[in-house]
Amino acid sequence: MRPPDIAEVARHSGVPASTLRYYEEKGVIESIGRRGARRIFGPGIYQQLALVALGQAGGFSLDEIAEMFAPDGRPRIERAKVEARARELERTIRRLQATRKALLHVAACPAPSHMECPSFTRMLKIAAAGRLKSERRSRGR
């Protein structure tokens, strides 16, 4: 079986050719040669692209994802980094769940004015203290 070219990889993976070229430029994937003007890829390209998609879903940057591949394209995943990211996602989930709960409360609050609602004023104090912003800043995003 001949190695797939960039058009075949784009068609089968759903990843546009322009993105594949960008991934190659960033060192995330590597073509193994050319067939005419088209790049060709090795047999592991679809697994690599699946790992890239998983890494992106996990919030890893392309530079971080590129580090997760050995020079031969095989996965080289540092478990400690993945565990740290999972903990970070857990903190983000808890913060988003609290935010969702607060927004639902604000939407359905029975108080005549939100300023008369103890829950709402407590939320304002948290926001004024910068606790929500400081969490985002500490992640460097």
N, C-alpha and C. Protein backbone atom coordinates (compact mmCIF):
# COMPACT_ATOMS: atom_id res chain seq x y z
N MET A 1 0.85 -1.18 0.00
CA MET A 1 0.00 0.00 0.00
C MET A 1 0.89 1.24 0.00
N ARG A 2 0.59 2.18 -0.84
CA ARG A 2 1.41 3.39 -0.93
C ARG A 2 1.03 4.38 0.17
N PRO A 3 1.99 5.16 0.63
CA PRO A 3 1.70 6.13 1.70
C PRO A 3 0.72 7.19 1.21
N PRO A 4 -0.16 7.65 2.10
CA PRO A 4 -1.15 8.65 1.70
C PRO A 4 -0.50 10.02 1.48
N ASP A 5 -1.02 10.74 0.48
CA ASP A 5 -0.54 12.11 0.28
C ASP A 5 -1.43 13.06 1.09
N ILE A 6 -1.07 14.32 1.07
CA ILE A 6 -1.73 15.30 1.92
C ILE A 6 -3.23 15.40 1.64
N ALA A 7 -3.62 15.26 0.36
CA ALA A 7 -5.04 15.32 0.02
C ALA A 7 -5.80 14.13 0.61
N GLU A 8 -5.19 12.95 0.55
CA GLU A 8 -5.82 11.76 1.11
C GLU A 8 -5.94 11.87 2.63
N VAL A 9 -4.89 12.34 3.26
CA VAL A 9 -4.92 12.49 4.72
C VAL A 9 -6.00 13.51 5.11
N ALA A 10 -6.06 14.61 4.39
CA ALA A 10 -7.08 15.63 4.68
C ALA A 10 -8.48 15.04 4.52
N ARG A 11 -8.69 14.31 3.46
CA ARG A 11 -10.01 13.73 3.18
C ARG A 11 -10.41 12.71 4.25
N HIS A 12 -9.49 11.84 4.61
CA HIS A 12 -9.81 10.77 5.56
C HIS A 12 -9.85 11.23 7.02
N SER A 13 -9.07 12.24 7.34
CA SER A 13 -9.00 12.69 8.74
C SER A 13 -9.94 13.84 9.04
N GLY A 14 -10.33 14.57 7.99
CA GLY A 14 -11.15 15.76 8.21
C GLY A 14 -10.33 16.98 8.59
N VAL A 15 -9.01 16.84 8.63
CA VAL A 15 -8.12 17.95 8.95
C VAL A 15 -7.72 18.61 7.63
N PRO A 16 -8.02 19.89 7.45
CA PRO A 16 -7.69 20.55 6.18
C PRO A 16 -6.19 20.48 5.86
N ALA A 17 -5.88 20.45 4.57
CA ALA A 17 -4.48 20.39 4.13
C ALA A 17 -3.69 21.57 4.68
N SER A 18 -4.31 22.74 4.76
CA SER A 18 -3.60 23.91 5.30
C SER A 18 -3.21 23.68 6.76
N THR A 19 -4.07 23.01 7.51
CA THR A 19 -3.77 22.70 8.91
C THR A 19 -2.65 21.66 8.99
N LEU A 20 -2.69 20.68 8.10
CA LEU A 20 -1.62 19.68 8.08
C LEU A 20 -0.27 20.34 7.80
N ARG A 21 -0.25 21.29 6.85
CA ARG A 21 1.00 21.99 6.56
C ARG A 21 1.44 22.81 7.78
N TYR A 22 0.49 23.43 8.46
CA TYR A 22 0.81 24.20 9.67
C TYR A 22 1.36 23.28 10.76
N TYR A 23 0.72 22.14 10.97
CA TYR A 23 1.20 21.17 11.96
C TYR A 23 2.64 20.76 11.64
N GLU A 24 2.91 20.56 10.35
CA GLU A 24 4.26 20.16 9.97
C GLU A 24 5.25 21.30 10.24
N GLU A 25 4.83 22.52 9.94
CA GLU A 25 5.69 23.69 10.21
C GLU A 25 6.00 23.81 11.70
N LYS A 26 5.02 23.50 12.55
CA LYS A 26 5.20 23.59 14.00
C LYS A 26 5.93 22.37 14.57
N GLY A 27 6.18 21.36 13.75
CA GLY A 27 6.89 20.18 14.23
C GLY A 27 6.00 19.17 14.91
N VAL A 28 4.69 19.28 14.72
CA VAL A 28 3.76 18.35 15.36
C VAL A 28 3.70 17.04 14.58
N ILE A 29 3.70 17.14 13.26
CA ILE A 29 3.74 15.96 12.40
C ILE A 29 4.88 16.16 11.40
N GLU A 30 5.20 15.08 10.69
CA GLU A 30 6.29 15.19 9.71
C GLU A 30 5.93 14.37 8.49
N SER A 31 6.09 14.96 7.33
CA SER A 31 5.89 14.20 6.10
C SER A 31 7.14 13.36 5.86
N ILE A 32 6.97 12.30 5.10
CA ILE A 32 8.12 11.42 4.85
C ILE A 32 8.69 11.63 3.45
N GLY A 33 8.12 12.54 2.70
CA GLY A 33 8.61 12.81 1.36
C GLY A 33 7.55 13.51 0.54
N ARG A 34 7.73 13.41 -0.77
CA ARG A 34 6.79 14.06 -1.69
C ARG A 34 6.48 13.11 -2.83
N ARG A 35 5.28 13.26 -3.31
CA ARG A 35 4.85 12.60 -4.54
C ARG A 35 4.46 13.75 -5.45
N GLY A 36 5.35 14.11 -6.35
CA GLY A 36 5.15 15.33 -7.13
C GLY A 36 5.30 16.50 -6.20
N ALA A 37 4.32 17.37 -6.18
CA ALA A 37 4.35 18.54 -5.30
C ALA A 37 3.68 18.27 -3.96
N ARG A 38 3.05 17.10 -3.82
CA ARG A 38 2.29 16.81 -2.60
C ARG A 38 3.12 16.07 -1.57
N ARG A 39 2.95 16.50 -0.32
CA ARG A 39 3.59 15.80 0.79
C ARG A 39 2.96 14.41 0.93
N ILE A 40 3.76 13.46 1.36
CA ILE A 40 3.23 12.15 1.71
C ILE A 40 3.58 11.86 3.17
N PHE A 41 2.75 11.04 3.79
CA PHE A 41 2.88 10.77 5.21
C PHE A 41 2.99 9.28 5.47
N GLY A 42 3.61 8.95 6.59
CA GLY A 42 3.79 7.56 6.99
C GLY A 42 2.50 6.95 7.50
N PRO A 43 2.55 5.66 7.77
CA PRO A 43 1.34 4.93 8.18
C PRO A 43 0.78 5.36 9.54
N GLY A 44 1.57 6.02 10.37
CA GLY A 44 1.09 6.43 11.70
C GLY A 44 0.42 7.78 11.73
N ILE A 45 0.25 8.41 10.57
CA ILE A 45 -0.26 9.79 10.55
C ILE A 45 -1.65 9.91 11.18
N TYR A 46 -2.52 8.95 10.95
CA TYR A 46 -3.89 9.07 11.48
C TYR A 46 -3.90 8.94 13.00
N GLN A 47 -3.04 8.09 13.54
CA GLN A 47 -2.93 7.99 15.00
C GLN A 47 -2.34 9.29 15.57
N GLN A 48 -1.35 9.84 14.87
CA GLN A 48 -0.76 11.10 15.33
C GLN A 48 -1.83 12.20 15.35
N LEU A 49 -2.62 12.28 14.30
CA LEU A 49 -3.66 13.32 14.24
C LEU A 49 -4.71 13.11 15.32
N ALA A 50 -5.02 11.86 15.64
CA ALA A 50 -5.95 11.58 16.73
C ALA A 50 -5.36 12.05 18.06
N LEU A 51 -4.06 11.82 18.26
CA LEU A 51 -3.41 12.29 19.48
C LEU A 51 -3.35 13.81 19.54
N VAL A 52 -3.15 14.45 18.39
CA VAL A 52 -3.16 15.92 18.34
C VAL A 52 -4.54 16.42 18.76
N ALA A 53 -5.59 15.82 18.21
CA ALA A 53 -6.96 16.23 18.56
C ALA A 53 -7.23 16.03 20.05
N LEU A 54 -6.78 14.91 20.59
CA LEU A 54 -6.97 14.64 22.02
C LEU A 54 -6.20 15.66 22.86
N GLY A 55 -4.97 15.95 22.46
CA GLY A 55 -4.17 16.94 23.18
C GLY A 55 -4.81 18.32 23.14
N GLN A 56 -5.32 18.71 21.98
CA GLN A 56 -5.98 20.01 21.88
C GLN A 56 -7.24 20.05 22.74
N ALA A 57 -8.00 18.96 22.74
CA ALA A 57 -9.20 18.90 23.58
C ALA A 57 -8.82 19.03 25.06
N GLY A 58 -7.63 18.54 25.41
CA GLY A 58 -7.15 18.62 26.78
C GLY A 58 -6.52 19.96 27.11
N GLY A 59 -6.48 20.87 26.13
CA GLY A 59 -5.96 22.20 26.39
C GLY A 59 -4.47 22.37 26.19
N PHE A 60 -3.81 21.38 25.60
CA PHE A 60 -2.38 21.50 25.34
C PHE A 60 -2.16 22.35 24.09
N SER A 61 -1.10 23.14 24.11
CA SER A 61 -0.73 23.94 22.94
C SER A 61 -0.08 23.03 21.90
N LEU A 62 0.02 23.50 20.68
CA LEU A 62 0.70 22.70 19.65
C LEU A 62 2.16 22.45 20.00
N ASP A 63 2.80 23.43 20.61
CA ASP A 63 4.19 23.23 21.04
C ASP A 63 4.28 22.10 22.07
N GLU A 64 3.34 22.09 23.01
CA GLU A 64 3.33 21.02 24.02
C GLU A 64 3.03 19.67 23.37
N ILE A 65 2.12 19.67 22.41
CA ILE A 65 1.77 18.43 21.72
C ILE A 65 2.97 17.92 20.92
N ALA A 66 3.68 18.82 20.27
CA ALA A 66 4.85 18.43 19.48
C ALA A 66 5.87 17.70 20.36
N GLU A 67 6.00 18.13 21.61
CA GLU A 67 6.94 17.49 22.54
C GLU A 67 6.49 16.08 22.94
N MET A 68 5.22 15.76 22.65
CA MET A 68 4.69 14.45 23.02
C MET A 68 4.98 13.38 21.99
N PHE A 69 5.73 13.75 20.94
CA PHE A 69 6.09 12.78 19.92
C PHE A 69 7.60 12.63 19.86
N ALA A 70 8.05 11.39 19.77
CA ALA A 70 9.48 11.12 19.56
C ALA A 70 9.81 11.48 18.11
N PRO A 71 11.09 11.60 17.78
CA PRO A 71 11.47 11.92 16.40
C PRO A 71 10.88 10.97 15.35
N ASP A 72 10.62 9.72 15.74
CA ASP A 72 10.04 8.77 14.78
C ASP A 72 8.52 8.86 14.70
N GLY A 73 7.92 9.82 15.44
CA GLY A 73 6.47 10.01 15.40
C GLY A 73 5.69 9.22 16.43
N ARG A 74 6.37 8.37 17.16
CA ARG A 74 5.67 7.59 18.19
C ARG A 74 5.38 8.47 19.40
N PRO A 75 4.29 8.16 20.10
CA PRO A 75 3.95 8.95 21.30
C PRO A 75 5.04 8.83 22.36
N ARG A 76 5.31 9.97 22.98
CA ARG A 76 6.28 10.05 24.09
C ARG A 76 5.65 11.02 25.09
N ILE A 77 4.68 10.50 25.82
CA ILE A 77 3.83 11.34 26.66
C ILE A 77 4.33 11.31 28.10
N GLU A 78 4.61 12.49 28.64
CA GLU A 78 5.03 12.59 30.03
C GLU A 78 3.79 12.56 30.92
N ARG A 79 3.66 11.49 31.66
CA ARG A 79 2.47 11.29 32.50
C ARG A 79 2.27 12.42 33.51
N ALA A 80 3.34 12.95 34.04
CA ALA A 80 3.22 14.02 35.04
C ALA A 80 2.57 15.27 34.42
N LYS A 81 2.93 15.58 33.18
CA LYS A 81 2.31 16.74 32.52
C LYS A 81 0.82 16.51 32.26
N VAL A 82 0.49 15.29 31.87
CA VAL A 82 -0.91 14.97 31.62
C VAL A 82 -1.70 15.02 32.92
N GLU A 83 -1.11 14.50 33.98
CA GLU A 83 -1.78 14.54 35.29
C GLU A 83 -1.98 15.98 35.76
N ALA A 84 -0.97 16.82 35.57
CA ALA A 84 -1.09 18.23 35.96
C ALA A 84 -2.19 18.91 35.17
N ARG A 85 -2.29 18.60 33.88
CA ARG A 85 -3.34 19.20 33.05
C ARG A 85 -4.71 18.72 33.50
N ALA A 86 -4.81 17.44 33.86
CA ALA A 86 -6.09 16.91 34.35
C ALA A 86 -6.51 17.63 35.63
N ARG A 87 -5.54 17.91 36.52
CA ARG A 87 -5.86 18.65 37.75
C ARG A 87 -6.31 20.07 37.42
N GLU A 88 -5.64 20.68 36.46
CA GLU A 88 -6.01 22.03 36.04
C GLU A 88 -7.43 22.04 35.46
N LEU A 89 -7.74 21.04 34.65
CA LEU A 89 -9.09 20.94 34.09
C LEU A 89 -10.13 20.75 35.19
N GLU A 90 -9.78 19.97 36.20
CA GLU A 90 -10.71 19.76 37.32
C GLU A 90 -11.00 21.09 38.03
N ARG A 91 -9.96 21.90 38.24
CA ARG A 91 -10.17 23.22 38.86
C ARG A 91 -11.05 24.10 37.97
N THR A 92 -10.80 24.05 36.66
CA THR A 92 -11.60 24.85 35.73
C THR A 92 -13.06 24.38 35.74
N ILE A 93 -13.26 23.09 35.77
CA ILE A 93 -14.63 22.54 35.81
C ILE A 93 -15.35 23.01 37.07
N ARG A 94 -14.67 22.93 38.21
CA ARG A 94 -15.30 23.38 39.47
C ARG A 94 -15.66 24.87 39.40
N ARG A 95 -14.73 25.68 38.84
CA ARG A 95 -15.00 27.12 38.73
C ARG A 95 -16.17 27.38 37.79
N LEU A 96 -16.22 26.67 36.68
CA LEU A 96 -17.32 26.86 35.72
C LEU A 96 -18.65 26.37 36.30
N GLN A 97 -18.62 25.28 37.06
CA GLN A 97 -19.85 24.80 37.69
C GLN A 97 -20.37 25.82 38.70
N ALA A 98 -19.45 26.42 39.46
CA ALA A 98 -19.86 27.45 40.42
C ALA A 98 -20.42 28.67 39.69
N THR A 99 -19.79 29.04 38.59
CA THR A 99 -20.27 30.18 37.80
C THR A 99 -21.65 29.88 37.23
N ARG A 100 -21.83 28.67 36.70
CA ARG A 100 -23.14 28.28 36.17
C ARG A 100 -24.21 28.35 37.26
N LYS A 101 -23.88 27.83 38.44
CA LYS A 101 -24.83 27.85 39.55
C LYS A 101 -25.18 29.29 39.92
N ALA A 102 -24.17 30.15 39.93
CA ALA A 102 -24.41 31.56 40.26
C ALA A 102 -25.31 32.22 39.21
N LEU A 103 -25.03 31.96 37.95
CA LEU A 103 -25.83 32.57 36.89
C LEU A 103 -27.28 32.08 36.94
N LEU A 104 -27.46 30.79 37.19
CA LEU A 104 -28.82 30.26 37.30
C LEU A 104 -29.55 30.89 38.48
N HIS A 105 -28.81 31.11 39.57
CA HIS A 105 -29.42 31.76 40.72
C HIS A 105 -29.83 33.19 40.37
N VAL A 106 -28.95 33.92 39.74
CA VAL A 106 -29.25 35.30 39.36
C VAL A 106 -30.47 35.34 38.45
N ALA A 107 -30.57 34.40 37.53
CA ALA A 107 -31.70 34.38 36.59
C ALA A 107 -33.03 34.09 37.29
N ALA A 108 -33.00 33.29 38.34
CA ALA A 108 -34.24 32.88 39.00
C ALA A 108 -34.40 33.45 40.40
N CYS A 109 -33.56 34.37 40.81
CA CYS A 109 -33.59 34.90 42.17
C CYS A 109 -34.95 35.52 42.49
N PRO A 110 -35.57 35.10 43.60
CA PRO A 110 -36.89 35.64 43.95
C PRO A 110 -36.84 37.01 44.66
N ALA A 111 -35.65 37.48 44.99
CA ALA A 111 -35.55 38.77 45.69
C ALA A 111 -36.06 39.89 44.78
N PRO A 112 -36.70 40.92 45.39
CA PRO A 112 -37.21 42.03 44.57
C PRO A 112 -36.11 42.75 43.80
N SER A 113 -34.93 42.78 44.38
CA SER A 113 -33.77 43.38 43.71
C SER A 113 -32.59 42.47 43.98
N HIS A 114 -31.72 42.32 42.99
CA HIS A 114 -30.55 41.48 43.19
C HIS A 114 -29.69 41.99 44.34
N MET A 115 -29.69 43.28 44.56
CA MET A 115 -28.87 43.84 45.64
C MET A 115 -29.42 43.49 47.01
N GLU A 116 -30.65 42.99 47.08
CA GLU A 116 -31.23 42.54 48.35
C GLU A 116 -31.00 41.05 48.58
N CYS A 117 -30.41 40.39 47.62
CA CYS A 117 -30.20 38.95 47.70
C CYS A 117 -28.83 38.66 48.32
N PRO A 118 -28.78 37.96 49.45
CA PRO A 118 -27.51 37.65 50.09
C PRO A 118 -26.56 36.83 49.19
N SER A 119 -27.11 35.92 48.43
CA SER A 119 -26.27 35.11 47.53
C SER A 119 -25.63 35.99 46.46
N PHE A 120 -26.42 36.91 45.90
CA PHE A 120 -25.90 37.79 44.85
C PHE A 120 -24.84 38.72 45.41
N THR A 121 -25.06 39.29 46.57
CA THR A 121 -24.07 40.21 47.14
C THR A 121 -22.78 39.46 47.50
N ARG A 122 -22.91 38.19 47.92
CA ARG A 122 -21.73 37.38 48.21
C ARG A 122 -20.94 37.14 46.91
N MET A 123 -21.65 36.88 45.81
CA MET A 123 -20.99 36.70 44.51
C MET A 123 -20.27 37.98 44.09
N LEU A 124 -20.88 39.12 44.34
CA LEU A 124 -20.24 40.39 44.00
C LEU A 124 -18.95 40.58 44.79
N LYS A 125 -18.96 40.22 46.06
CA LYS A 125 -17.75 40.35 46.89
C LYS A 125 -16.63 39.46 46.36
N ILE A 126 -16.97 38.26 45.94
CA ILE A 126 -15.97 37.34 45.38
C ILE A 126 -15.38 37.94 44.11
N ALA A 127 -16.26 38.44 43.23
CA ALA A 127 -15.79 39.04 41.98
C ALA A 127 -14.95 40.29 42.24
N ALA A 128 -15.38 41.11 43.21
CA ALA A 128 -14.64 42.34 43.52
C ALA A 128 -13.27 42.04 44.10
N ALA A 129 -13.15 40.92 44.79
CA ALA A 129 -11.86 40.53 45.37
C ALA A 129 -10.89 40.03 44.30
N GLY A 130 -11.39 39.87 43.08
CA GLY A 130 -10.52 39.46 41.98
C GLY A 130 -10.24 37.98 41.94
N ARG A 131 -10.97 37.20 42.70
CA ARG A 131 -10.68 35.76 42.76
C ARG A 131 -10.92 35.07 41.42
N LEU A 132 -11.91 35.51 40.67
CA LEU A 132 -12.14 34.88 39.37
C LEU A 132 -11.05 35.26 38.39
N LYS A 133 -10.68 36.55 38.37
CA LYS A 133 -9.64 37.00 37.45
C LYS A 133 -8.29 36.41 37.80
N SER A 134 -7.97 36.35 39.08
CA SER A 134 -6.64 35.88 39.48
C SER A 134 -6.44 34.42 39.07
N GLU A 135 -7.52 33.62 39.06
CA GLU A 135 -7.39 32.24 38.62
C GLU A 135 -6.99 32.17 37.17
N ARG A 136 -7.60 33.01 36.34
CA ARG A 136 -7.27 33.02 34.92
C ARG A 136 -5.84 33.49 34.70
N ARG A 137 -5.43 34.53 35.42
CA ARG A 137 -4.08 35.07 35.28
C ARG A 137 -3.04 34.05 35.69
N SER A 138 -3.32 33.31 36.77
CA SER A 138 -2.31 32.37 37.27
C SER A 138 -2.05 31.24 36.29
N ARG A 139 -2.99 30.98 35.39
CA ARG A 139 -2.78 29.94 34.40
C ARG A 139 -2.00 30.46 33.21
N GLY A 140 -1.77 31.77 33.13
CA GLY A 140 -0.97 32.33 32.06
C GLY A 140 -1.68 32.36 30.73
N ARG A 141 -3.00 32.50 30.76
CA ARG A 141 -3.75 32.49 29.50
C ARG A 141 -4.44 33.79 29.28
